[in-house]
Amino acid sequence: MTERNAMPHTGTGSGPERKVPNAETRAAMAEADEIVKAGRARFASVEKMLADLEETARP
């Protein structure tokens, strides 16, 4: 495969299409950045995180 064929083409001649995250995704990314900056985690262990996911995933 050549470089020319490797990238998806949008037909505009401007190169590959760039996708921009929607507002909800941008908010989640900002929240994740704040969690990392603060050095805090929502869960003390993976087991507690998985247990919470199990509880909240059920209707």
N, C-alpha and C. Protein backbone atom coordinates (compact mmCIF):
# COMPACT_ATOMS: atom_id res chain seq x y z
N MET A 1 0.85 -1.17 0.00
CA MET A 1 0.00 0.00 0.00
C MET A 1 0.89 1.23 0.00
N THR A 2 0.56 2.16 -0.81
CA THR A 2 1.34 3.38 -0.87
C THR A 2 0.83 4.38 0.14
N GLU A 3 1.64 5.38 0.41
CA GLU A 3 1.23 6.42 1.36
C GLU A 3 -0.05 7.10 0.91
N ARG A 4 -0.18 7.29 -0.36
CA ARG A 4 -1.35 7.96 -0.92
C ARG A 4 -2.63 7.17 -0.61
N ASN A 5 -2.55 5.85 -0.61
CA ASN A 5 -3.72 5.02 -0.35
C ASN A 5 -3.95 4.76 1.13
N ALA A 6 -2.99 5.06 1.97
CA ALA A 6 -3.08 4.73 3.39
C ALA A 6 -4.04 5.65 4.15
N MET A 7 -4.20 6.87 3.71
CA MET A 7 -5.03 7.83 4.43
C MET A 7 -6.41 7.93 3.78
N PRO A 8 -7.47 8.00 4.59
CA PRO A 8 -8.80 8.18 4.02
C PRO A 8 -8.88 9.52 3.31
N HIS A 9 -9.64 9.58 2.25
CA HIS A 9 -9.73 10.80 1.47
C HIS A 9 -11.13 11.37 1.59
N THR A 10 -11.23 12.65 1.84
CA THR A 10 -12.53 13.29 2.00
C THR A 10 -13.07 13.83 0.69
N GLY A 11 -12.25 13.85 -0.33
CA GLY A 11 -12.69 14.37 -1.61
C GLY A 11 -12.52 15.86 -1.74
N THR A 12 -12.02 16.52 -0.69
CA THR A 12 -11.87 17.97 -0.74
C THR A 12 -10.48 18.38 -1.17
N GLY A 13 -9.57 17.43 -1.21
CA GLY A 13 -8.21 17.76 -1.57
C GLY A 13 -7.40 18.34 -0.43
N SER A 14 -7.99 18.42 0.76
CA SER A 14 -7.31 19.03 1.90
C SER A 14 -6.71 17.99 2.84
N GLY A 15 -6.71 16.74 2.46
CA GLY A 15 -6.14 15.71 3.31
C GLY A 15 -7.20 14.96 4.08
N PRO A 16 -6.79 14.16 5.07
CA PRO A 16 -7.75 13.35 5.81
C PRO A 16 -8.68 14.21 6.66
N GLU A 17 -9.88 13.71 6.86
CA GLU A 17 -10.88 14.42 7.67
C GLU A 17 -10.50 14.36 9.14
N ARG A 18 -10.59 15.49 9.84
CA ARG A 18 -10.34 15.53 11.27
C ARG A 18 -11.67 15.54 11.99
N LYS A 19 -11.79 14.69 13.01
CA LYS A 19 -13.02 14.65 13.79
C LYS A 19 -12.79 15.39 15.09
N VAL A 20 -13.74 16.21 15.47
CA VAL A 20 -13.65 17.01 16.69
C VAL A 20 -14.60 16.41 17.72
N PRO A 21 -14.13 16.20 18.96
CA PRO A 21 -15.01 15.63 19.99
C PRO A 21 -16.20 16.55 20.28
N ASN A 22 -17.34 15.94 20.60
CA ASN A 22 -18.51 16.74 20.93
C ASN A 22 -18.38 17.30 22.35
N ALA A 23 -19.34 18.10 22.77
CA ALA A 23 -19.27 18.78 24.06
C ALA A 23 -19.17 17.81 25.23
N GLU A 24 -19.93 16.71 25.17
CA GLU A 24 -19.91 15.74 26.27
C GLU A 24 -18.53 15.08 26.39
N THR A 25 -17.94 14.75 25.25
CA THR A 25 -16.61 14.15 25.27
C THR A 25 -15.56 15.13 25.76
N ARG A 26 -15.65 16.39 25.33
CA ARG A 26 -14.70 17.40 25.79
C ARG A 26 -14.81 17.61 27.30
N ALA A 27 -16.04 17.58 27.83
CA ALA A 27 -16.24 17.72 29.28
C ALA A 27 -15.62 16.54 30.03
N ALA A 28 -15.80 15.33 29.50
CA ALA A 28 -15.21 14.15 30.14
C ALA A 28 -13.69 14.21 30.11
N MET A 29 -13.14 14.69 29.00
CA MET A 29 -11.69 14.81 28.89
C MET A 29 -11.16 15.84 29.88
N ALA A 30 -11.88 16.96 30.04
CA ALA A 30 -11.47 17.99 31.00
C ALA A 30 -11.53 17.45 32.43
N GLU A 31 -12.59 16.67 32.73
CA GLU A 31 -12.71 16.08 34.05
C GLU A 31 -11.55 15.11 34.32
N ALA A 32 -11.20 14.31 33.32
CA ALA A 32 -10.08 13.38 33.47
C ALA A 32 -8.78 14.13 33.71
N ASP A 33 -8.59 15.23 33.01
CA ASP A 33 -7.38 16.05 33.22
C ASP A 33 -7.32 16.58 34.64
N GLU A 34 -8.46 17.02 35.18
CA GLU A 34 -8.50 17.54 36.55
C GLU A 34 -8.20 16.44 37.57
N ILE A 35 -8.71 15.24 37.33
CA ILE A 35 -8.44 14.12 38.23
C ILE A 35 -6.95 13.83 38.26
N VAL A 36 -6.32 13.83 37.09
CA VAL A 36 -4.88 13.57 37.02
C VAL A 36 -4.09 14.68 37.71
N LYS A 37 -4.47 15.93 37.46
CA LYS A 37 -3.76 17.07 38.08
C LYS A 37 -3.87 17.05 39.59
N ALA A 38 -5.05 16.68 40.10
CA ALA A 38 -5.29 16.67 41.54
C ALA A 38 -4.66 15.45 42.21
N GLY A 39 -4.30 14.46 41.42
CA GLY A 39 -3.69 13.25 41.99
C GLY A 39 -4.67 12.45 42.81
N ARG A 40 -5.93 12.54 42.47
CA ARG A 40 -6.93 11.78 43.22
C ARG A 40 -7.59 10.76 42.30
N ALA A 41 -8.06 9.72 42.91
CA ALA A 41 -8.77 8.69 42.15
C ALA A 41 -10.16 8.56 42.73
N ARG A 42 -11.08 8.15 41.93
CA ARG A 42 -12.44 7.96 42.41
C ARG A 42 -12.58 6.67 43.21
N PHE A 43 -11.72 5.71 42.94
CA PHE A 43 -11.81 4.41 43.59
C PHE A 43 -10.47 4.05 44.19
N ALA A 44 -10.52 3.41 45.34
CA ALA A 44 -9.29 3.03 46.03
C ALA A 44 -8.65 1.80 45.42
N SER A 45 -9.44 1.00 44.69
CA SER A 45 -8.88 -0.21 44.09
C SER A 45 -9.66 -0.56 42.83
N VAL A 46 -9.09 -1.42 42.04
CA VAL A 46 -9.75 -1.88 40.82
C VAL A 46 -11.00 -2.67 41.19
N GLU A 47 -10.92 -3.45 42.25
CA GLU A 47 -12.06 -4.24 42.68
C GLU A 47 -13.26 -3.35 43.03
N LYS A 48 -13.00 -2.23 43.72
CA LYS A 48 -14.09 -1.31 44.07
C LYS A 48 -14.65 -0.65 42.82
N MET A 49 -13.80 -0.33 41.87
CA MET A 49 -14.26 0.26 40.63
C MET A 49 -15.16 -0.73 39.87
N LEU A 50 -14.72 -1.98 39.76
CA LEU A 50 -15.51 -2.98 39.06
C LEU A 50 -16.84 -3.25 39.76
N ALA A 51 -16.82 -3.26 41.09
CA ALA A 51 -18.06 -3.46 41.84
C ALA A 51 -19.03 -2.32 41.58
N ASP A 52 -18.53 -1.09 41.52
CA ASP A 52 -19.37 0.06 41.23
C ASP A 52 -19.94 -0.04 39.81
N LEU A 53 -19.11 -0.46 38.86
CA LEU A 53 -19.61 -0.63 37.50
C LEU A 53 -20.71 -1.67 37.42
N GLU A 54 -20.54 -2.76 38.15
CA GLU A 54 -21.58 -3.80 38.17
C GLU A 54 -22.88 -3.27 38.75
N GLU A 55 -22.81 -2.50 39.81
CA GLU A 55 -24.00 -1.95 40.46
C GLU A 55 -24.71 -0.95 39.57
N THR A 56 -23.97 -0.07 38.92
CA THR A 56 -24.59 1.00 38.14
C THR A 56 -24.97 0.58 36.74
N ALA A 57 -24.47 -0.54 36.25
CA ALA A 57 -24.77 -1.00 34.90
C ALA A 57 -26.13 -1.68 34.80
N ARG A 58 -26.65 -2.10 35.92
CA ARG A 58 -27.94 -2.81 35.90
C ARG A 58 -29.09 -1.82 35.99
N PRO A 59 -30.13 -2.03 35.16
CA PRO A 59 -31.29 -1.11 35.18
C PRO A 59 -32.12 -1.19 36.43
